[in-house]
N, C-alpha and C. Protein backbone atom coordinates (compact mmCIF):
# COMPACT_ATOMS: atom_id res chain seq x y z
N MET A 1 -50.39 -90.22 9.88
CA MET A 1 -49.44 -89.22 10.32
C MET A 1 -50.18 -88.19 11.15
N GLY A 2 -49.58 -87.81 12.30
CA GLY A 2 -50.20 -86.83 13.18
C GLY A 2 -49.90 -85.41 12.75
N TRP A 3 -50.54 -84.48 13.42
CA TRP A 3 -50.34 -83.07 13.15
C TRP A 3 -49.06 -82.58 13.81
N SER A 4 -48.45 -81.59 13.22
CA SER A 4 -47.26 -81.00 13.80
C SER A 4 -47.36 -79.48 13.70
N TYR A 5 -46.45 -78.79 14.37
CA TYR A 5 -46.44 -77.33 14.36
C TYR A 5 -45.00 -76.86 14.19
N ARG A 6 -44.80 -75.85 13.37
CA ARG A 6 -43.48 -75.26 13.19
C ARG A 6 -43.63 -73.80 12.80
N LYS A 7 -42.88 -72.95 13.47
CA LYS A 7 -42.89 -71.53 13.17
C LYS A 7 -41.46 -71.01 13.27
N SER A 8 -41.01 -70.23 12.30
CA SER A 8 -39.65 -69.69 12.28
C SER A 8 -39.69 -68.17 12.30
N PHE A 9 -38.74 -67.60 13.02
CA PHE A 9 -38.55 -66.15 13.05
C PHE A 9 -37.12 -65.89 12.60
N ARG A 10 -36.96 -64.99 11.62
CA ARG A 10 -35.65 -64.69 11.07
C ARG A 10 -35.25 -63.25 11.36
N LYS A 11 -33.99 -63.07 11.69
CA LYS A 11 -33.42 -61.73 11.88
C LYS A 11 -31.99 -61.79 11.36
N GLY A 12 -31.79 -61.34 10.14
CA GLY A 12 -30.48 -61.43 9.52
C GLY A 12 -30.07 -62.88 9.32
N PRO A 13 -28.86 -63.26 9.74
CA PRO A 13 -28.40 -64.64 9.56
C PRO A 13 -28.92 -65.59 10.64
N PHE A 14 -29.66 -65.08 11.63
CA PHE A 14 -30.14 -65.90 12.73
C PHE A 14 -31.58 -66.34 12.51
N ARG A 15 -31.91 -67.55 12.95
CA ARG A 15 -33.26 -68.07 12.83
C ARG A 15 -33.63 -68.76 14.13
N LEU A 16 -34.82 -68.48 14.65
CA LEU A 16 -35.37 -69.12 15.83
C LEU A 16 -36.54 -69.98 15.37
N ASN A 17 -36.50 -71.28 15.69
CA ASN A 17 -37.51 -72.22 15.25
C ASN A 17 -38.32 -72.72 16.44
N LEU A 18 -39.62 -72.55 16.39
CA LEU A 18 -40.52 -73.05 17.42
C LEU A 18 -41.30 -74.23 16.86
N SER A 19 -41.33 -75.31 17.62
CA SER A 19 -42.07 -76.49 17.19
C SER A 19 -42.71 -77.14 18.40
N ARG A 20 -43.47 -78.16 18.14
CA ARG A 20 -44.12 -78.88 19.22
C ARG A 20 -43.08 -79.53 20.14
N GLY A 21 -41.92 -79.88 19.59
CA GLY A 21 -40.86 -80.51 20.37
C GLY A 21 -40.01 -79.56 21.18
N GLY A 22 -40.10 -78.25 20.93
CA GLY A 22 -39.31 -77.29 21.68
C GLY A 22 -38.81 -76.16 20.81
N VAL A 23 -37.72 -75.54 21.25
CA VAL A 23 -37.15 -74.37 20.57
C VAL A 23 -35.76 -74.75 20.04
N GLY A 24 -35.51 -74.39 18.79
CA GLY A 24 -34.19 -74.58 18.18
C GLY A 24 -33.73 -73.27 17.58
N HIS A 25 -32.46 -73.19 17.23
CA HIS A 25 -31.96 -71.98 16.60
C HIS A 25 -30.85 -72.34 15.63
N SER A 26 -30.61 -71.44 14.69
CA SER A 26 -29.57 -71.65 13.70
C SER A 26 -29.04 -70.30 13.22
N TRP A 27 -27.86 -70.35 12.61
CA TRP A 27 -27.30 -69.15 12.00
C TRP A 27 -26.57 -69.57 10.73
N GLY A 28 -26.54 -68.66 9.79
CA GLY A 28 -25.86 -68.91 8.53
C GLY A 28 -26.64 -68.30 7.37
N ASN A 29 -26.33 -68.79 6.17
CA ASN A 29 -27.00 -68.29 4.97
C ASN A 29 -27.42 -69.49 4.12
N ARG A 30 -27.72 -69.27 2.86
CA ARG A 30 -28.18 -70.36 2.00
C ARG A 30 -27.11 -71.43 1.77
N LEU A 31 -25.85 -71.01 1.75
CA LEU A 31 -24.77 -71.96 1.45
C LEU A 31 -24.27 -72.71 2.68
N PHE A 32 -24.25 -72.07 3.83
CA PHE A 32 -23.64 -72.62 5.02
C PHE A 32 -24.52 -72.33 6.23
N ARG A 33 -24.86 -73.34 7.04
CA ARG A 33 -25.73 -73.14 8.20
C ARG A 33 -25.35 -74.08 9.32
N VAL A 34 -25.33 -73.58 10.55
CA VAL A 34 -25.13 -74.36 11.76
C VAL A 34 -26.43 -74.32 12.55
N THR A 35 -26.92 -75.49 12.95
CA THR A 35 -28.24 -75.59 13.57
C THR A 35 -28.15 -76.31 14.91
N ARG A 36 -28.91 -75.85 15.88
CA ARG A 36 -29.12 -76.55 17.16
C ARG A 36 -30.62 -76.84 17.22
N THR A 37 -30.98 -78.13 17.18
CA THR A 37 -32.38 -78.51 17.14
C THR A 37 -33.00 -78.49 18.53
N ALA A 38 -34.31 -78.63 18.59
CA ALA A 38 -35.02 -78.59 19.86
C ALA A 38 -34.61 -79.74 20.78
N ASP A 39 -34.20 -80.87 20.21
CA ASP A 39 -33.79 -81.99 21.06
C ASP A 39 -32.29 -82.01 21.36
N GLY A 40 -31.55 -80.95 20.98
CA GLY A 40 -30.17 -80.79 21.37
C GLY A 40 -29.13 -81.18 20.35
N ARG A 41 -29.53 -81.70 19.19
CA ARG A 41 -28.55 -82.06 18.17
C ARG A 41 -27.99 -80.82 17.50
N ARG A 42 -26.71 -80.87 17.11
CA ARG A 42 -26.07 -79.80 16.36
C ARG A 42 -25.69 -80.35 15.00
N THR A 43 -26.03 -79.61 13.96
CA THR A 43 -25.70 -80.04 12.61
C THR A 43 -25.07 -78.90 11.82
N LEU A 44 -24.24 -79.29 10.89
CA LEU A 44 -23.61 -78.37 9.96
C LEU A 44 -24.11 -78.73 8.57
N SER A 45 -24.62 -77.75 7.82
CA SER A 45 -25.15 -77.98 6.48
C SER A 45 -24.42 -77.09 5.48
N VAL A 46 -24.06 -77.69 4.34
CA VAL A 46 -23.47 -76.95 3.23
C VAL A 46 -24.31 -77.26 2.00
N ASN A 47 -24.84 -76.24 1.35
CA ASN A 47 -25.70 -76.38 0.18
C ASN A 47 -25.03 -75.69 -1.00
N LEU A 48 -24.80 -76.46 -2.06
CA LEU A 48 -24.14 -75.92 -3.24
C LEU A 48 -25.14 -75.74 -4.37
N PRO A 49 -24.87 -74.85 -5.30
CA PRO A 49 -25.77 -74.68 -6.44
C PRO A 49 -25.94 -75.99 -7.21
N GLY A 50 -27.09 -76.17 -7.80
CA GLY A 50 -27.37 -77.38 -8.56
C GLY A 50 -28.00 -78.49 -7.73
N GLY A 51 -28.35 -78.20 -6.48
CA GLY A 51 -29.01 -79.19 -5.65
C GLY A 51 -28.10 -80.09 -4.84
N LEU A 52 -26.79 -79.85 -4.88
CA LEU A 52 -25.87 -80.65 -4.09
C LEU A 52 -25.85 -80.13 -2.66
N HIS A 53 -25.91 -81.04 -1.69
CA HIS A 53 -25.85 -80.63 -0.30
C HIS A 53 -25.13 -81.68 0.54
N TRP A 54 -24.61 -81.22 1.67
CA TRP A 54 -23.87 -82.07 2.59
C TRP A 54 -24.29 -81.67 4.00
N ARG A 55 -24.54 -82.66 4.85
CA ARG A 55 -24.95 -82.39 6.22
C ARG A 55 -24.22 -83.34 7.15
N LYS A 56 -23.71 -82.80 8.26
CA LYS A 56 -23.03 -83.62 9.24
C LYS A 56 -23.54 -83.28 10.62
N THR A 57 -23.82 -84.30 11.42
CA THR A 57 -24.20 -84.09 12.81
C THR A 57 -22.94 -83.88 13.62
N LEU A 58 -22.83 -82.74 14.29
CA LEU A 58 -21.64 -82.41 15.06
C LEU A 58 -21.69 -83.03 16.44
N SER A 59 -22.87 -83.12 17.04
CA SER A 59 -23.02 -83.75 18.35
C SER A 59 -24.42 -84.33 18.47
N SER A 60 -24.51 -85.44 19.17
CA SER A 60 -25.81 -86.06 19.40
C SER A 60 -26.54 -85.34 20.50
N ARG A 61 -27.82 -85.63 20.61
CA ARG A 61 -28.59 -84.99 21.66
C ARG A 61 -28.07 -85.44 23.02
N SER A 62 -28.20 -84.56 24.00
CA SER A 62 -27.71 -84.88 25.34
C SER A 62 -28.73 -85.74 26.06
N ARG A 63 -28.24 -86.61 26.89
CA ARG A 63 -29.12 -87.46 27.68
C ARG A 63 -29.25 -86.86 29.06
N GLY A 64 -30.50 -86.84 29.55
CA GLY A 64 -30.64 -86.24 30.87
C GLY A 64 -32.00 -86.23 31.39
């Protein structure tokens, strides 16, 4: 496995994620979060107490 890099900056409900693949951002809290990854995917995450979680990809990465 190769090396990777990830750094996050948080300001309230917003998060900026820097990685080797690019820049992503998300907003939400522990229970509900919407994320845009560095490669363009959008996901919706719902995390419930007790370790239950649900994640759905809202859109695939764009081709270009």
